[in-house]
Amino acid sequence: MILAGLALALATLQFFLAGVGAFGAGSYEAHRVGGQVAQALALLLLIAGAAGRLGRPAIIFGGGLLVISVVMGLLANAGDWAGAVHPLLAIAFWFGAFQAFSWARTGAPLVDSPATQ
C-alpha cells in the first residue's frame, strides 16, 4: 500500500513539476528526476507483487506502470507527435497508480478490469 501511495503522490506531483517547466517558473530537471523515481517505484511495485505472491493482478499493475513509465521516459524528448503521447501516458500512469492504491487500501479493485479478475 505504501508503494502504491507513493506512486500516486508522485504522479500527482509530476503534473505540477511539468507545469513549472512549461510555464518558465523553473527547469524540467525536477520533473525528469521525478520520472526516474516513478520508474523505480513501478519496478518496486512489480517486484513486491511477484515476491509477495500478491497474485496476477498485482503483477499486471506493477508491470503496466513500469511499461508506461519507461515509454514516457523515451517519449519525453521525442518532439512532434510522438512527444504529444507523453502527457496522455502520464494520465494513464496516474489512473493506474490510483487504482493500485485504492485496491491496496480497500482490498477490492475500484474499477473491474481484466487485470483484477
N, C-alpha and C. Protein backbone atom coordinates (compact mmCIF):
# COMPACT_ATOMS: atom_id res chain seq x y z
N MET A 1 0.82 -1.19 0.00
CA MET A 1 0.00 0.00 0.00
C MET A 1 0.86 1.25 0.00
N ILE A 2 1.97 1.22 0.70
CA ILE A 2 2.84 2.39 0.78
C ILE A 2 3.43 2.72 -0.58
N LEU A 3 3.91 1.69 -1.31
CA LEU A 3 4.49 1.94 -2.63
C LEU A 3 3.45 2.50 -3.59
N ALA A 4 2.25 1.96 -3.57
CA ALA A 4 1.18 2.46 -4.45
C ALA A 4 0.82 3.89 -4.08
N GLY A 5 0.78 4.20 -2.79
CA GLY A 5 0.51 5.57 -2.34
C GLY A 5 1.59 6.53 -2.78
N LEU A 6 2.84 6.10 -2.69
CA LEU A 6 3.95 6.94 -3.15
C LEU A 6 3.87 7.18 -4.66
N ALA A 7 3.53 6.13 -5.41
CA ALA A 7 3.40 6.27 -6.86
C ALA A 7 2.29 7.26 -7.20
N LEU A 8 1.18 7.18 -6.50
CA LEU A 8 0.07 8.11 -6.74
C LEU A 8 0.47 9.54 -6.38
N ALA A 9 1.10 9.72 -5.24
CA ALA A 9 1.53 11.06 -4.84
C ALA A 9 2.56 11.63 -5.82
N LEU A 10 3.49 10.81 -6.26
CA LEU A 10 4.50 11.27 -7.21
C LEU A 10 3.87 11.60 -8.56
N ALA A 11 2.92 10.78 -9.01
CA ALA A 11 2.25 11.06 -10.28
C ALA A 11 1.53 12.40 -10.22
N THR A 12 0.91 12.70 -9.10
CA THR A 12 0.23 13.99 -8.92
C THR A 12 1.23 15.13 -8.91
N LEU A 13 2.32 14.96 -8.19
CA LEU A 13 3.37 15.97 -8.13
C LEU A 13 3.99 16.22 -9.51
N GLN A 14 4.10 15.18 -10.31
CA GLN A 14 4.71 15.31 -11.64
C GLN A 14 3.95 16.29 -12.53
N PHE A 15 2.62 16.35 -12.41
CA PHE A 15 1.85 17.32 -13.19
C PHE A 15 2.25 18.74 -12.81
N PHE A 16 2.42 18.99 -11.52
CA PHE A 16 2.87 20.31 -11.06
C PHE A 16 4.27 20.61 -11.57
N LEU A 17 5.18 19.65 -11.44
CA LEU A 17 6.56 19.88 -11.88
C LEU A 17 6.66 20.10 -13.38
N ALA A 18 5.80 19.44 -14.15
CA ALA A 18 5.77 19.69 -15.60
C ALA A 18 5.31 21.11 -15.87
N GLY A 19 4.34 21.58 -15.11
CA GLY A 19 3.88 22.95 -15.25
C GLY A 19 4.95 23.96 -14.89
N VAL A 20 5.74 23.65 -13.88
CA VAL A 20 6.85 24.54 -13.50
C VAL A 20 7.79 24.72 -14.69
N GLY A 21 8.11 23.63 -15.37
CA GLY A 21 8.99 23.72 -16.53
C GLY A 21 8.30 24.37 -17.72
N ALA A 22 7.04 24.04 -17.96
CA ALA A 22 6.33 24.54 -19.13
C ALA A 22 6.08 26.05 -19.05
N PHE A 23 5.81 26.55 -17.86
CA PHE A 23 5.47 27.96 -17.73
C PHE A 23 6.63 28.82 -17.26
N GLY A 24 7.83 28.27 -17.27
CA GLY A 24 9.03 29.05 -17.03
C GLY A 24 9.32 29.38 -15.58
N ALA A 25 8.66 28.74 -14.63
CA ALA A 25 8.95 29.01 -13.22
C ALA A 25 10.22 28.31 -12.77
N GLY A 26 10.73 27.42 -13.58
CA GLY A 26 11.94 26.67 -13.28
C GLY A 26 12.25 25.75 -14.45
N SER A 27 13.18 24.86 -14.25
CA SER A 27 13.55 23.94 -15.32
C SER A 27 12.73 22.65 -15.20
N TYR A 28 12.91 21.80 -16.19
CA TYR A 28 12.26 20.49 -16.19
C TYR A 28 13.06 19.45 -15.39
N GLU A 29 14.16 19.85 -14.78
CA GLU A 29 15.04 18.89 -14.10
C GLU A 29 14.31 18.11 -13.01
N ALA A 30 13.54 18.79 -12.17
CA ALA A 30 12.82 18.10 -11.10
C ALA A 30 11.79 17.12 -11.68
N HIS A 31 11.17 17.50 -12.79
CA HIS A 31 10.21 16.61 -13.46
C HIS A 31 10.93 15.39 -14.02
N ARG A 32 12.10 15.59 -14.59
CA ARG A 32 12.88 14.48 -15.14
C ARG A 32 13.28 13.51 -14.03
N VAL A 33 13.77 14.03 -12.92
CA VAL A 33 14.16 13.18 -11.79
C VAL A 33 12.92 12.45 -11.22
N GLY A 34 11.80 13.16 -11.15
CA GLY A 34 10.56 12.52 -10.70
C GLY A 34 10.16 11.36 -11.60
N GLY A 35 10.40 11.50 -12.90
CA GLY A 35 10.11 10.41 -13.83
C GLY A 35 10.98 9.19 -13.56
N GLN A 36 12.24 9.44 -13.23
CA GLN A 36 13.13 8.32 -12.91
C GLN A 36 12.69 7.65 -11.61
N VAL A 37 12.26 8.42 -10.66
CA VAL A 37 11.76 7.87 -9.40
C VAL A 37 10.47 7.07 -9.66
N ALA A 38 9.62 7.57 -10.55
CA ALA A 38 8.39 6.84 -10.90
C ALA A 38 8.73 5.48 -11.52
N GLN A 39 9.75 5.44 -12.36
CA GLN A 39 10.17 4.16 -12.94
C GLN A 39 10.64 3.21 -11.84
N ALA A 40 11.40 3.72 -10.89
CA ALA A 40 11.89 2.89 -9.79
C ALA A 40 10.73 2.39 -8.93
N LEU A 41 9.77 3.26 -8.65
CA LEU A 41 8.61 2.84 -7.85
C LEU A 41 7.80 1.78 -8.58
N ALA A 42 7.63 1.95 -9.89
CA ALA A 42 6.88 0.95 -10.66
C ALA A 42 7.61 -0.39 -10.63
N LEU A 43 8.93 -0.35 -10.75
CA LEU A 43 9.71 -1.59 -10.67
C LEU A 43 9.56 -2.24 -9.30
N LEU A 44 9.59 -1.43 -8.25
CA LEU A 44 9.41 -1.95 -6.89
C LEU A 44 8.01 -2.54 -6.70
N LEU A 45 7.00 -1.91 -7.30
CA LEU A 45 5.64 -2.47 -7.22
C LEU A 45 5.58 -3.82 -7.91
N LEU A 46 6.24 -3.94 -9.05
CA LEU A 46 6.28 -5.22 -9.76
C LEU A 46 6.99 -6.28 -8.93
N ILE A 47 8.13 -5.92 -8.37
CA ILE A 47 8.89 -6.87 -7.54
C ILE A 47 8.10 -7.26 -6.30
N ALA A 48 7.47 -6.27 -5.65
CA ALA A 48 6.68 -6.56 -4.45
C ALA A 48 5.50 -7.47 -4.77
N GLY A 49 4.88 -7.23 -5.91
CA GLY A 49 3.75 -8.08 -6.31
C GLY A 49 4.18 -9.51 -6.56
N ALA A 50 5.34 -9.67 -7.21
CA ALA A 50 5.83 -11.02 -7.50
C ALA A 50 6.40 -11.70 -6.26
N ALA A 51 7.25 -10.98 -5.51
CA ALA A 51 7.89 -11.58 -4.34
C ALA A 51 6.90 -11.81 -3.20
N GLY A 52 5.91 -10.92 -3.11
CA GLY A 52 4.93 -11.06 -2.03
C GLY A 52 3.80 -12.00 -2.37
N ARG A 53 3.90 -12.59 -3.57
CA ARG A 53 2.85 -13.51 -4.03
C ARG A 53 1.47 -12.90 -3.89
N LEU A 54 1.37 -11.67 -4.37
CA LEU A 54 0.11 -10.94 -4.28
C LEU A 54 -0.84 -11.28 -5.41
N GLY A 55 -0.38 -12.12 -6.31
CA GLY A 55 -1.25 -12.59 -7.38
C GLY A 55 -1.04 -11.88 -8.70
N ARG A 56 -1.70 -12.42 -9.69
CA ARG A 56 -1.59 -11.93 -11.06
C ARG A 56 -1.95 -10.45 -11.20
N PRO A 57 -3.03 -9.96 -10.56
CA PRO A 57 -3.39 -8.56 -10.73
C PRO A 57 -2.30 -7.60 -10.25
N ALA A 58 -1.66 -7.90 -9.13
CA ALA A 58 -0.60 -7.03 -8.62
C ALA A 58 0.58 -6.99 -9.58
N ILE A 59 0.90 -8.13 -10.17
CA ILE A 59 2.00 -8.19 -11.13
C ILE A 59 1.64 -7.41 -12.40
N ILE A 60 0.39 -7.53 -12.84
CA ILE A 60 -0.04 -6.80 -14.03
C ILE A 60 0.00 -5.29 -13.78
N PHE A 61 -0.47 -4.85 -12.62
CA PHE A 61 -0.43 -3.41 -12.33
C PHE A 61 1.00 -2.90 -12.23
N GLY A 62 1.86 -3.61 -11.52
CA GLY A 62 3.25 -3.20 -11.42
C GLY A 62 3.94 -3.18 -12.78
N GLY A 63 3.73 -4.23 -13.56
CA GLY A 63 4.32 -4.30 -14.89
C GLY A 63 3.77 -3.24 -15.82
N GLY A 64 2.47 -3.00 -15.73
CA GLY A 64 1.86 -1.98 -16.58
C GLY A 64 2.39 -0.60 -16.26
N LEU A 65 2.49 -0.27 -14.97
CA LEU A 65 3.04 1.03 -14.59
C LEU A 65 4.50 1.17 -15.00
N LEU A 66 5.24 0.06 -14.93
CA LEU A 66 6.64 0.11 -15.36
C LEU A 66 6.74 0.37 -16.85
N VAL A 67 5.94 -0.33 -17.64
CA VAL A 67 5.97 -0.12 -19.10
C VAL A 67 5.57 1.32 -19.43
N ILE A 68 4.51 1.80 -18.82
CA ILE A 68 4.07 3.18 -19.09
C ILE A 68 5.16 4.17 -18.74
N SER A 69 5.80 4.02 -17.58
CA SER A 69 6.81 4.99 -17.16
C SER A 69 8.05 4.94 -18.04
N VAL A 70 8.44 3.75 -18.50
CA VAL A 70 9.60 3.64 -19.39
C VAL A 70 9.29 4.27 -20.75
N VAL A 71 8.11 3.99 -21.29
CA VAL A 71 7.74 4.58 -22.58
C VAL A 71 7.63 6.10 -22.45
N MET A 72 7.10 6.58 -21.34
CA MET A 72 7.04 8.04 -21.13
C MET A 72 8.44 8.65 -21.14
N GLY A 73 9.39 7.97 -20.50
CA GLY A 73 10.77 8.47 -20.49
C GLY A 73 11.36 8.51 -21.88
N LEU A 74 11.04 7.52 -22.69
CA LEU A 74 11.55 7.50 -24.06
C LEU A 74 10.92 8.60 -24.92
N LEU A 75 9.66 8.91 -24.65
CA LEU A 75 8.95 9.91 -25.45
C LEU A 75 9.15 11.34 -24.96
N ALA A 76 9.75 11.51 -23.80
CA ALA A 76 9.84 12.83 -23.18
C ALA A 76 10.49 13.87 -24.09
N ASN A 77 11.50 13.49 -24.83
CA ASN A 77 12.19 14.43 -25.71
C ASN A 77 12.02 14.08 -27.17
N ALA A 78 11.00 13.30 -27.48
CA ALA A 78 10.80 12.86 -28.87
C ALA A 78 10.34 13.99 -29.77
N GLY A 79 9.64 14.96 -29.25
CA GLY A 79 9.14 16.05 -30.06
C GLY A 79 7.97 15.62 -30.93
N ASP A 80 7.36 16.58 -31.58
CA ASP A 80 6.26 16.39 -32.52
C ASP A 80 5.18 15.47 -31.96
N TRP A 81 4.66 14.59 -32.81
CA TRP A 81 3.53 13.75 -32.45
C TRP A 81 3.89 12.71 -31.39
N ALA A 82 5.05 12.14 -31.48
CA ALA A 82 5.43 11.12 -30.50
C ALA A 82 5.52 11.73 -29.10
N GLY A 83 6.08 12.92 -29.00
CA GLY A 83 6.17 13.59 -27.70
C GLY A 83 4.81 13.97 -27.14
N ALA A 84 3.84 14.17 -28.02
CA ALA A 84 2.49 14.52 -27.56
C ALA A 84 1.82 13.37 -26.83
N VAL A 85 2.32 12.16 -27.01
CA VAL A 85 1.76 11.00 -26.33
C VAL A 85 2.19 10.98 -24.85
N HIS A 86 3.30 11.64 -24.53
CA HIS A 86 3.86 11.66 -23.17
C HIS A 86 2.81 12.07 -22.13
N PRO A 87 2.11 13.21 -22.29
CA PRO A 87 1.13 13.58 -21.27
C PRO A 87 -0.07 12.64 -21.21
N LEU A 88 -0.41 12.02 -22.33
CA LEU A 88 -1.51 11.05 -22.31
C LEU A 88 -1.14 9.83 -21.48
N LEU A 89 0.10 9.39 -21.63
CA LEU A 89 0.57 8.27 -20.83
C LEU A 89 0.67 8.66 -19.35
N ALA A 90 0.96 9.94 -19.08
CA ALA A 90 1.00 10.40 -17.69
C ALA A 90 -0.36 10.26 -17.04
N ILE A 91 -1.41 10.54 -17.79
CA ILE A 91 -2.77 10.36 -17.26
C ILE A 91 -3.03 8.88 -16.99
N ALA A 92 -2.61 8.03 -17.91
CA ALA A 92 -2.78 6.58 -17.72
C ALA A 92 -2.00 6.11 -16.49
N PHE A 93 -0.78 6.63 -16.30
CA PHE A 93 0.02 6.27 -15.13
C PHE A 93 -0.70 6.70 -13.85
N TRP A 94 -1.23 7.93 -13.85
CA TRP A 94 -1.92 8.43 -12.66
C TRP A 94 -3.11 7.54 -12.32
N PHE A 95 -3.93 7.21 -13.31
CA PHE A 95 -5.10 6.37 -13.05
C PHE A 95 -4.69 4.96 -12.62
N GLY A 96 -3.62 4.43 -13.20
CA GLY A 96 -3.13 3.13 -12.77
C GLY A 96 -2.65 3.14 -11.33
N ALA A 97 -1.93 4.20 -10.96
CA ALA A 97 -1.46 4.34 -9.58
C ALA A 97 -2.64 4.53 -8.63
N PHE A 98 -3.64 5.28 -9.06
CA PHE A 98 -4.84 5.49 -8.25
C PHE A 98 -5.57 4.17 -8.03
N GLN A 99 -5.71 3.40 -9.10
CA GLN A 99 -6.36 2.10 -9.00
C GLN A 99 -5.58 1.18 -8.05
N ALA A 100 -4.26 1.14 -8.22
CA ALA A 100 -3.43 0.28 -7.37
C ALA A 100 -3.53 0.68 -5.90
N PHE A 101 -3.50 1.99 -5.64
CA PHE A 101 -3.60 2.47 -4.26
C PHE A 101 -4.97 2.15 -3.68
N SER A 102 -6.03 2.41 -4.43
CA SER A 102 -7.38 2.14 -3.95
C SER A 102 -7.56 0.66 -3.65
N TRP A 103 -7.02 -0.16 -4.52
CA TRP A 103 -7.12 -1.60 -4.36
C TRP A 103 -6.34 -2.06 -3.13
N ALA A 104 -5.13 -1.51 -2.96
CA ALA A 104 -4.31 -1.89 -1.80
C ALA A 104 -4.96 -1.44 -0.50
N ARG A 105 -5.61 -0.28 -0.53
CA ARG A 105 -6.22 0.27 0.67
C ARG A 105 -7.50 -0.45 1.07
N THR A 106 -8.34 -0.79 0.07
CA THR A 106 -9.64 -1.38 0.38
C THR A 106 -9.69 -2.88 0.21
N GLY A 107 -8.75 -3.44 -0.56
CA GLY A 107 -8.76 -4.87 -0.83
C GLY A 107 -9.64 -5.25 -1.99
N ALA A 108 -10.26 -4.26 -2.62
CA ALA A 108 -11.12 -4.53 -3.78
C ALA A 108 -10.78 -3.53 -4.87
N PRO A 109 -10.80 -3.95 -6.12
CA PRO A 109 -10.50 -3.01 -7.20
C PRO A 109 -11.55 -1.92 -7.31
N LEU A 110 -11.11 -0.73 -7.62
CA LEU A 110 -12.03 0.39 -7.79
C LEU A 110 -12.84 0.22 -9.07
N VAL A 111 -12.16 -0.23 -10.12
CA VAL A 111 -12.80 -0.47 -11.41
C VAL A 111 -12.49 -1.90 -11.80
N ASP A 112 -13.52 -2.65 -12.15
CA ASP A 112 -13.32 -4.02 -12.56
C ASP A 112 -12.66 -4.03 -13.94
N SER A 113 -11.60 -4.77 -14.08
CA SER A 113 -10.89 -4.85 -15.35
C SER A 113 -10.34 -6.28 -15.50
N PRO A 114 -9.87 -6.62 -16.70
CA PRO A 114 -9.29 -7.95 -16.86
C PRO A 114 -8.11 -8.21 -15.91
N ALA A 115 -7.41 -7.14 -15.51
CA ALA A 115 -6.27 -7.31 -14.61
C ALA A 115 -6.71 -7.74 -13.22
N THR A 116 -7.93 -7.41 -12.84
CA THR A 116 -8.38 -7.70 -11.48
C THR A 116 -9.22 -8.96 -11.38
N GLN A 117 -9.32 -9.70 -12.47
CA GLN A 117 -10.16 -10.92 -12.44
C GLN A 117 -9.33 -12.17 -12.34
